[in-house]
Amino acid sequence: MSKTSVEKTSKKSRLSSNAYRETLAGYGFLLPNFLGFAIFTVVPVAVSLFMAFTYWNIFSKPVWIGLDNFRSLLWFRHDSGHIVANDPFFWQYLYNTVFFMMGIPLGMAGSLILAMMLNQKIKGVVFFRTIYFLPSVSAGVALLILWKYIYNSEVGLLNQVFRTIGTFIYHYKPLALLFTILCAAVFGIIVIGCIAAVIGFFNWVSEKLKLFWPDSLYKTLVVISSVAVYMIIARYGLSFYHTLNGFMMDPPDWLGKVEWAKPSLMFMGIWGGIGGFNAILYLAALQGVPRSLYEAAEMDGASGWKKFWSVTWPMISPTTFYILIMGVIGGMQGGFMAAKVMTGGGPVGSTTTLEYYLYNTAFQNFNMGYASAISWFIFVVVFILTMITWKAGGKLVSYD
């Protein structure tokens, strides 16, 4: 063998040895993270899947019962000629969870509106961005306790404000009438805005599906809806006056009444999240929209509303898609902390979510097998909803 061949072989050997050592070093750096993931994620998930098919109360050995946990959780039975759920609490708490998830689009809309306001070039905009983001970095339990006192029916700030304003306004009939008209007008504007947003959304979806509407149809539908809303308000004006009077003079027990508990927690959640990370994501997306697109739309004579649907909304659709998916995932797995701190799941279980039910089943009733079945139900539902959202959203999202 020549000297040159020996040198090449030696060089290849050294390179191979160096690559082997670098590979080992890479695996060495990955090993701690891999072990942590395996020990604290993979193993618990596998154990929970096994436990979902067992009865285990911690104090005894697990007993294999097959699908009995899922039958108790999801199945129905005949009772006195009626079909009733094996676990009626589960279905009630599933309804509560879905009800709270109705706040996701409201929160997204609020975050987008706030982001558009904070995207303006005004003096002190950095200060306003900081102020609106502060609730997101505040301690969660501290905020929940604060809101619990705000919602207190006797000494809470909210009810005291309502009583004070109500006593002053409804002491004078002309002022009460003016206040009622103003509230009715604001209520009508909110309803019309929601209707306009829904119609606009369907218009945008139709355009994506190549089902184009006439240009005048959107405005016609909004005008008809506006007239209908205010006709209904006028028709029930007297009832609106008495309802508003009773509400202001005797505000409800926000956390103690079934009909008010869920909306109260939903409003608190929207308030806390409207200026948080979703607003930051929307703000970044808005700042990434090329100014040239707006200039081209203005040259075509597009109004502000048309520019939003034709330029802004398509350009920020990937961000909206991401926020929606994360909201669905978080919504199915959320609600525990607020219910635990503020209502204890009440009144009458009206604020208990699946996550809170899972906690109570596992750590208060010590039925780990049944709790595992609940957790796997949540996982399957989240997976299905995510896939549906992904499939539907993939056709509507624009990445241009």
Protein backbone atom coordinates (compact mmCIF):
# COMPACT_ATOMS: atom_id res chain seq x y z
CA MET A 1 0.00 0.00 0.00
CA SER A 2 1.40 3.41 -0.95
CA LYS A 3 2.11 6.17 1.49
CA THR A 4 -0.68 8.31 0.01
CA SER A 5 -3.25 5.54 0.50
CA VAL A 6 -2.16 5.09 4.11
CA GLU A 7 -2.53 8.82 4.76
CA LYS A 8 -6.03 8.87 3.20
CA THR A 9 -7.10 5.87 5.23
CA SER A 10 -5.73 7.43 8.40
CA LYS A 11 -7.52 10.71 7.64
CA LYS A 12 -10.83 8.93 7.03
CA SER A 13 -10.36 7.05 10.26
CA ARG A 14 -9.81 10.27 12.20
CA LEU A 15 -12.84 11.91 10.57
CA SER A 16 -14.98 8.90 11.38
CA SER A 17 -13.74 8.93 14.95
CA ASN A 18 -14.50 12.65 15.31
CA ALA A 19 -17.99 12.22 13.86
CA TYR A 20 -18.62 9.33 16.25
CA ARG A 21 -17.55 11.42 19.25
CA GLU A 22 -19.69 14.37 18.08
CA THR A 23 -22.67 12.04 17.72
CA LEU A 24 -22.13 10.68 21.20
CA ALA A 25 -21.79 14.22 22.56
CA GLY A 26 -25.07 15.18 20.83
CA TYR A 27 -26.90 12.21 22.31
CA GLY A 28 -25.39 13.08 25.68
CA PHE A 29 -26.89 16.56 25.53
CA LEU A 30 -30.26 15.16 24.42
CA LEU A 31 -30.34 12.41 27.03
CA PRO A 32 -31.43 14.54 30.07
CA ASN A 33 -34.32 16.06 28.13
CA PHE A 34 -35.28 12.68 26.69
CA LEU A 35 -35.24 11.05 30.13
CA GLY A 36 -37.34 13.86 31.58
CA PHE A 37 -39.85 13.56 28.75
CA ALA A 38 -40.00 9.78 29.13
CA ILE A 39 -40.31 9.79 32.93
CA PHE A 40 -42.71 12.70 33.34
CA THR A 41 -44.76 12.44 30.11
CA VAL A 42 -44.57 9.11 28.28
CA VAL A 43 -44.72 6.88 31.36
CA PRO A 44 -47.62 8.76 33.06
CA VAL A 45 -49.59 8.78 29.80
CA ALA A 46 -49.09 5.04 29.35
CA VAL A 47 -50.04 4.37 32.99
CA SER A 48 -53.16 6.53 32.71
CA LEU A 49 -54.23 4.61 29.61
CA PHE A 50 -53.89 1.35 31.50
CA MET A 51 -55.67 2.78 34.56
CA ALA A 52 -58.62 3.89 32.41
CA PHE A 53 -59.55 0.19 32.13
CA THR A 54 -59.20 -0.54 35.85
CA TYR A 55 -60.81 0.27 39.16
CA TRP A 56 -58.18 1.78 41.46
CA ASN A 57 -58.80 3.85 44.58
CA ILE A 58 -55.08 4.17 45.55
CA PHE A 59 -55.59 2.14 48.73
CA SER A 60 -55.85 -1.20 46.92
CA LYS A 61 -54.40 -2.87 43.86
CA PRO A 62 -55.83 -1.96 40.44
CA VAL A 63 -58.56 -4.34 39.29
CA TRP A 64 -59.06 -4.78 35.54
CA ILE A 65 -62.68 -3.95 34.60
CA GLY A 66 -62.34 -3.41 30.84
CA LEU A 67 -64.67 -0.78 29.38
CA ASP A 68 -66.78 -0.35 32.53
CA ASN A 69 -65.36 3.11 33.27
CA PHE A 70 -66.25 4.34 29.79
CA ARG A 71 -69.69 2.74 29.99
CA SER A 72 -70.34 4.52 33.27
CA LEU A 73 -69.05 7.75 31.81
CA LEU A 74 -70.69 7.82 28.37
CA TRP A 75 -73.48 5.26 28.24
CA PHE A 76 -77.22 5.62 28.98
CA ARG A 77 -79.75 3.28 30.58
CA HIS A 78 -83.51 2.83 30.80
CA ASP A 79 -85.00 3.94 34.10
CA SER A 80 -88.79 3.91 34.64
CA GLY A 81 -89.40 4.19 30.93
CA HIS A 82 -86.93 7.04 30.47
CA ILE A 83 -83.42 7.08 29.04
CA VAL A 84 -81.03 8.53 31.62
CA ALA A 85 -77.27 8.91 31.65
CA ASN A 86 -75.19 6.57 33.77
CA ASP A 87 -73.25 9.62 34.93
CA PRO A 88 -75.50 12.71 34.62
CA PHE A 89 -72.87 14.89 36.30
CA PHE A 90 -70.44 14.20 33.47
CA TRP A 91 -72.86 15.49 30.84
CA GLN A 92 -73.68 18.55 32.93
CA TYR A 93 -70.00 19.36 33.31
CA LEU A 94 -69.39 18.76 29.61
CA TYR A 95 -72.13 21.28 28.87
CA ASN A 96 -70.48 23.75 31.25
CA THR A 97 -67.16 23.28 29.48
CA VAL A 98 -68.71 23.87 26.05
CA PHE A 99 -70.57 26.92 27.39
CA PHE A 100 -67.33 28.47 28.62
CA MET A 101 -65.74 27.77 25.23
CA MET A 102 -68.32 30.09 23.68
CA GLY A 103 -66.14 32.86 25.07
CA ILE A 104 -63.27 31.89 22.73
CA PRO A 105 -64.57 33.78 19.65
CA LEU A 106 -65.57 36.73 21.85
CA GLY A 107 -62.09 36.87 23.35
CA MET A 108 -60.48 36.56 19.90
CA ALA A 109 -62.62 39.40 18.55
CA GLY A 110 -61.76 41.57 21.56
CA SER A 111 -58.04 40.84 21.21
CA LEU A 112 -58.15 41.71 17.51
CA ILE A 113 -59.99 44.99 18.11
CA LEU A 114 -57.57 45.90 20.89
CA ALA A 115 -54.57 44.99 18.72
CA MET A 116 -55.89 47.20 15.92
CA MET A 117 -56.24 50.07 18.40
CA LEU A 118 -52.74 49.52 19.76
CA ASN A 119 -51.35 49.35 16.23
CA GLN A 120 -52.09 53.03 15.69
CA LYS A 121 -49.28 55.57 15.74
CA ILE A 122 -50.36 57.60 18.74
CA LYS A 123 -48.45 59.20 21.58
CA GLY A 124 -47.91 56.89 24.56
CA VAL A 125 -48.89 53.71 22.70
CA VAL A 126 -46.16 51.74 24.51
CA PHE A 127 -47.70 52.72 27.85
CA PHE A 128 -51.14 51.52 26.74
CA ARG A 129 -49.71 48.24 25.45
CA THR A 130 -48.09 47.66 28.84
CA ILE A 131 -51.27 48.50 30.76
CA TYR A 132 -53.44 46.13 28.74
CA PHE A 133 -50.91 43.31 29.03
CA LEU A 134 -50.48 43.58 32.83
CA PRO A 135 -53.37 41.23 33.79
CA SER A 136 -51.66 38.44 31.83
CA VAL A 137 -48.55 38.56 34.00
CA SER A 138 -50.37 39.02 37.31
CA ALA A 139 -50.76 36.09 39.67
CA GLY A 140 -53.80 34.06 38.65
CA VAL A 141 -55.09 33.24 42.13
CA ALA A 142 -54.69 36.85 43.28
CA LEU A 143 -56.79 38.08 40.36
CA LEU A 144 -59.43 35.43 41.02
CA ILE A 145 -59.71 36.48 44.67
CA LEU A 146 -59.98 40.12 43.58
CA TRP A 147 -62.79 39.30 41.16
CA LYS A 148 -64.52 37.21 43.81
CA TYR A 149 -64.78 40.29 46.01
CA ILE A 150 -65.81 42.47 43.05
CA TYR A 151 -68.69 40.04 42.33
CA ASN A 152 -69.77 39.83 45.99
CA SER A 153 -73.51 40.50 46.11
CA GLU A 154 -73.47 42.54 49.33
CA VAL A 155 -70.20 44.48 49.51
CA GLY A 156 -68.78 43.92 46.03
CA LEU A 157 -67.66 46.94 44.06
CA LEU A 158 -69.75 46.03 41.01
CA ASN A 159 -73.09 45.87 42.83
CA GLN A 160 -72.33 48.97 44.87
CA VAL A 161 -71.70 50.92 41.67
CA PHE A 162 -74.94 49.63 40.14
CA ARG A 163 -76.97 50.51 43.24
CA THR A 164 -75.48 54.00 43.50
CA ILE A 165 -76.06 54.82 39.84
CA GLY A 166 -79.52 53.20 39.85
CA THR A 167 -80.65 55.12 42.93
CA PHE A 168 -79.55 58.43 41.41
CA ILE A 169 -80.92 57.88 37.90
CA TYR A 170 -84.27 56.28 38.68
CA HIS A 171 -85.07 58.94 41.26
CA TYR A 172 -85.75 61.28 38.29
CA LYS A 173 -88.13 59.98 35.61
CA PRO A 174 -86.76 62.06 32.68
CA LEU A 175 -83.21 60.99 33.49
CA ALA A 176 -84.33 57.36 33.83
CA LEU A 177 -86.07 57.51 30.44
CA LEU A 178 -82.99 59.05 28.80
CA PHE A 179 -80.74 56.44 30.41
CA THR A 180 -83.01 53.62 29.19
CA ILE A 181 -82.97 54.96 25.63
CA LEU A 182 -79.17 55.26 25.75
CA CYS A 183 -78.77 51.70 27.06
CA ALA A 184 -81.20 50.40 24.43
CA ALA A 185 -79.24 52.18 21.69
CA VAL A 186 -75.93 50.78 22.92
CA PHE A 187 -77.41 47.31 23.24
CA GLY A 188 -78.75 47.56 19.69
CA ILE A 189 -75.36 48.67 18.36
CA ILE A 190 -73.67 45.70 20.02
CA VAL A 191 -76.22 43.27 18.60
CA ILE A 192 -75.97 44.80 15.12
CA GLY A 193 -72.17 44.70 15.31
CA CYS A 194 -72.27 41.00 16.14
CA ILE A 195 -74.71 40.34 13.29
CA ALA A 196 -72.55 42.33 10.87
CA ALA A 197 -69.44 40.41 11.94
CA VAL A 198 -71.21 37.06 11.47
CA ILE A 199 -72.53 38.05 8.03
CA GLY A 200 -69.09 39.36 7.06
CA PHE A 201 -67.47 36.14 8.19
CA PHE A 202 -69.86 34.05 6.08
CA ASN A 203 -69.22 36.40 3.16
CA TRP A 204 -65.47 35.81 3.52
CA VAL A 205 -65.94 32.05 3.78
CA SER A 206 -68.14 32.13 0.66
CA GLU A 207 -65.43 33.99 -1.25
CA LYS A 208 -62.88 31.37 -0.19
CA LEU A 209 -65.23 28.67 -1.47
CA LYS A 210 -65.72 30.58 -4.75
CA LEU A 211 -69.34 31.43 -3.87
CA PHE A 212 -69.32 35.16 -4.45
CA TRP A 213 -72.07 37.40 -3.07
CA PRO A 214 -73.38 40.50 -4.85
CA ASP A 215 -71.63 43.61 -3.51
CA SER A 216 -74.88 45.13 -2.27
CA LEU A 217 -76.12 42.00 -0.47
CA TYR A 218 -73.93 42.48 2.61
CA LYS A 219 -75.05 46.08 3.18
CA THR A 220 -78.68 45.13 2.56
CA LEU A 221 -78.57 42.33 5.13
CA VAL A 222 -76.94 44.60 7.73
CA VAL A 223 -79.51 47.35 7.17
CA ILE A 224 -82.42 44.90 7.41
CA SER A 225 -80.93 43.41 10.59
CA SER A 226 -80.48 46.89 12.10
CA VAL A 227 -84.08 47.86 11.44
CA ALA A 228 -85.33 44.55 12.84
CA VAL A 229 -83.22 44.86 16.01
CA TYR A 230 -84.45 48.36 16.84
CA MET A 231 -88.06 47.47 16.02
CA ILE A 232 -87.86 44.61 18.51
CA ILE A 233 -86.27 46.91 21.12
CA ALA A 234 -89.00 49.52 20.57
CA ARG A 235 -91.70 46.86 20.80
CA TYR A 236 -90.47 45.74 24.21
CA GLY A 237 -89.30 49.17 25.37
CA LEU A 238 -91.44 49.23 28.53
CA SER A 239 -90.27 45.77 29.57
CA PHE A 240 -86.70 46.88 28.88
CA TYR A 241 -87.24 49.90 31.15
CA HIS A 242 -88.57 47.83 34.07
CA THR A 243 -85.90 45.15 33.64
CA LEU A 244 -83.13 47.74 33.64
CA ASN A 245 -84.68 49.46 36.65
CA GLY A 246 -84.82 46.24 38.64
CA PHE A 247 -81.30 45.29 37.59
CA MET A 248 -79.78 48.61 38.66
CA MET A 249 -81.66 48.86 41.96
CA ASP A 250 -81.20 45.22 42.95
CA PRO A 251 -78.18 43.71 41.15
CA PRO A 252 -77.94 39.91 41.05
CA ASP A 253 -75.79 37.59 43.11
CA TRP A 254 -73.28 37.03 40.33
CA LEU A 255 -71.57 33.92 41.70
CA GLY A 256 -74.49 32.58 43.72
CA LYS A 257 -77.11 32.25 40.98
CA VAL A 258 -77.04 29.51 38.37
CA GLU A 259 -78.08 31.84 35.55
CA TRP A 260 -75.31 34.37 36.33
CA ALA A 261 -72.39 32.26 37.52
CA LYS A 262 -71.17 31.01 34.12
CA PRO A 263 -71.50 34.38 32.31
CA SER A 264 -69.67 36.05 35.21
CA LEU A 265 -66.71 33.69 35.00
CA MET A 266 -66.74 33.95 31.21
CA PHE A 267 -66.64 37.76 31.35
CA MET A 268 -63.77 37.64 33.84
CA GLY A 269 -61.84 35.28 31.56
CA ILE A 270 -62.37 37.50 28.52
CA TRP A 271 -61.27 40.54 30.52
CA GLY A 272 -58.10 38.80 31.64
CA GLY A 273 -57.17 37.46 28.22
CA ILE A 274 -58.26 40.20 25.86
CA GLY A 275 -55.01 42.13 26.21
CA GLY A 276 -52.77 39.12 26.71
CA PHE A 277 -50.78 36.93 24.38
CA ASN A 278 -53.52 36.80 21.74
CA ALA A 279 -53.39 40.57 21.41
CA ILE A 280 -49.59 40.39 21.14
CA LEU A 281 -49.87 37.81 18.35
CA TYR A 282 -52.46 39.88 16.51
CA LEU A 283 -50.37 43.02 16.93
CA ALA A 284 -47.36 41.27 15.40
CA ALA A 285 -49.52 39.96 12.55
CA LEU A 286 -50.98 43.42 11.86
CA GLN A 287 -47.52 44.98 11.76
CA GLY A 288 -46.54 42.37 9.18
CA VAL A 289 -49.26 43.38 6.70
CA PRO A 290 -47.59 45.28 3.82
CA ARG A 291 -48.68 48.89 3.58
CA SER A 292 -48.74 48.58 -0.20
CA LEU A 293 -51.81 46.33 -0.01
CA TYR A 294 -53.79 49.04 1.80
CA GLU A 295 -52.63 51.64 -0.72
CA ALA A 296 -53.76 49.42 -3.60
CA ALA A 297 -57.15 48.88 -1.92
CA GLU A 298 -57.55 52.64 -1.40
CA MET A 299 -56.80 53.25 -5.08
CA ASP A 300 -59.60 50.80 -5.91
CA GLY A 301 -61.97 52.83 -3.75
CA ALA A 302 -62.28 50.29 -0.90
CA SER A 303 -63.85 51.49 2.32
CA GLY A 304 -62.37 50.81 5.75
CA TRP A 305 -64.65 47.81 6.28
CA LYS A 306 -63.81 46.42 2.82
CA LYS A 307 -60.09 46.88 3.44
CA PHE A 308 -60.42 44.89 6.64
CA TRP A 309 -62.13 41.91 4.98
CA SER A 310 -60.08 42.03 1.77
CA VAL A 311 -56.63 42.83 3.17
CA THR A 312 -56.33 42.66 6.95
CA TRP A 313 -58.38 39.53 7.66
CA PRO A 314 -56.76 37.31 4.99
CA MET A 315 -53.26 38.43 6.00
CA ILE A 316 -53.80 37.68 9.69
CA SER A 317 -55.77 34.45 9.07
CA PRO A 318 -52.78 32.18 9.97
CA THR A 319 -52.56 33.91 13.36
CA THR A 320 -56.32 33.60 13.84
CA PHE A 321 -56.12 29.92 12.92
CA TYR A 322 -53.36 29.31 15.49
CA ILE A 323 -55.20 31.20 18.24
CA LEU A 324 -58.41 29.29 17.51
CA ILE A 325 -56.74 25.88 17.75
CA MET A 326 -54.93 26.79 20.96
CA GLY A 327 -58.19 28.21 22.34
CA VAL A 328 -60.07 24.99 21.62
CA ILE A 329 -57.33 22.92 23.26
CA GLY A 330 -57.17 25.20 26.28
CA GLY A 331 -60.96 25.46 26.54
CA MET A 332 -61.48 21.71 26.84
CA GLN A 333 -58.77 21.51 29.51
CA GLY A 334 -59.53 24.70 31.43
CA GLY A 335 -61.82 26.12 34.07
CA PHE A 336 -60.36 24.43 37.13
CA MET A 337 -58.63 27.31 38.89
CA ALA A 338 -61.47 29.84 38.48
CA ALA A 339 -64.10 27.39 39.71
CA LYS A 340 -61.95 26.15 42.58
CA VAL A 341 -61.13 29.61 43.93
CA MET A 342 -64.31 31.56 43.18
CA THR A 343 -67.28 29.19 43.30
CA GLY A 344 -66.10 25.76 44.39
CA GLY A 345 -67.81 24.46 41.26
CA GLY A 346 -71.21 25.77 42.28
CA PRO A 347 -73.89 26.85 42.50
CA VAL A 348 -75.34 23.38 41.93
CA GLY A 349 -72.37 22.39 39.78
CA SER A 350 -73.06 25.16 37.25
CA THR A 351 -69.38 26.20 37.01
CA THR A 352 -67.78 22.76 37.32
CA THR A 353 -65.88 21.87 34.15
CA LEU A 354 -64.48 18.53 33.01
CA GLU A 355 -61.07 19.49 34.36
CA TYR A 356 -62.53 20.24 37.79
CA TYR A 357 -64.55 17.01 37.67
CA LEU A 358 -61.36 15.14 36.83
CA TYR A 359 -59.61 16.72 39.82
CA ASN A 360 -62.44 15.89 42.22
CA THR A 361 -62.68 12.32 40.96
CA ALA A 362 -58.94 11.72 41.27
CA PHE A 363 -57.91 13.64 44.38
CA GLN A 364 -61.06 13.82 46.47
CA ASN A 365 -62.83 10.57 45.61
CA PHE A 366 -59.53 8.76 44.87
CA ASN A 367 -61.08 6.95 41.90
CA MET A 368 -58.02 7.06 39.70
CA GLY A 369 -59.35 4.63 37.11
CA TYR A 370 -62.48 6.69 36.46
CA ALA A 371 -60.43 9.90 36.43
CA SER A 372 -58.13 8.36 33.82
CA ALA A 373 -61.16 7.54 31.67
CA ILE A 374 -62.27 11.19 31.91
CA SER A 375 -58.80 12.38 30.93
CA TRP A 376 -58.73 10.11 27.87
CA PHE A 377 -62.18 11.28 26.85
CA ILE A 378 -60.89 14.88 26.98
CA PHE A 379 -57.86 13.86 24.93
CA VAL A 380 -59.97 12.21 22.21
CA VAL A 381 -62.37 15.17 22.01
CA VAL A 382 -59.49 17.65 21.83
CA PHE A 383 -57.84 15.56 19.11
CA ILE A 384 -61.05 15.36 17.05
CA LEU A 385 -61.83 19.07 17.43
CA THR A 386 -58.27 19.97 16.50
CA MET A 387 -58.40 17.80 13.38
CA ILE A 388 -61.76 19.28 12.34
CA THR A 389 -60.46 22.80 12.90
CA TRP A 390 -57.26 21.96 11.03
CA LYS A 391 -59.11 20.51 8.03
CA ALA A 392 -61.65 23.33 7.86
CA GLY A 393 -59.15 26.08 8.63
CA GLY A 394 -56.65 24.82 6.06
CA LYS A 395 -59.12 25.72 3.29
CA LEU A 396 -59.79 29.21 4.66
CA VAL A 397 -56.33 30.33 5.78
CA SER A 398 -54.29 32.41 3.36
CA TYR A 399 -50.49 32.13 3.53
CA ASP A 400 -49.80 34.55 0.67
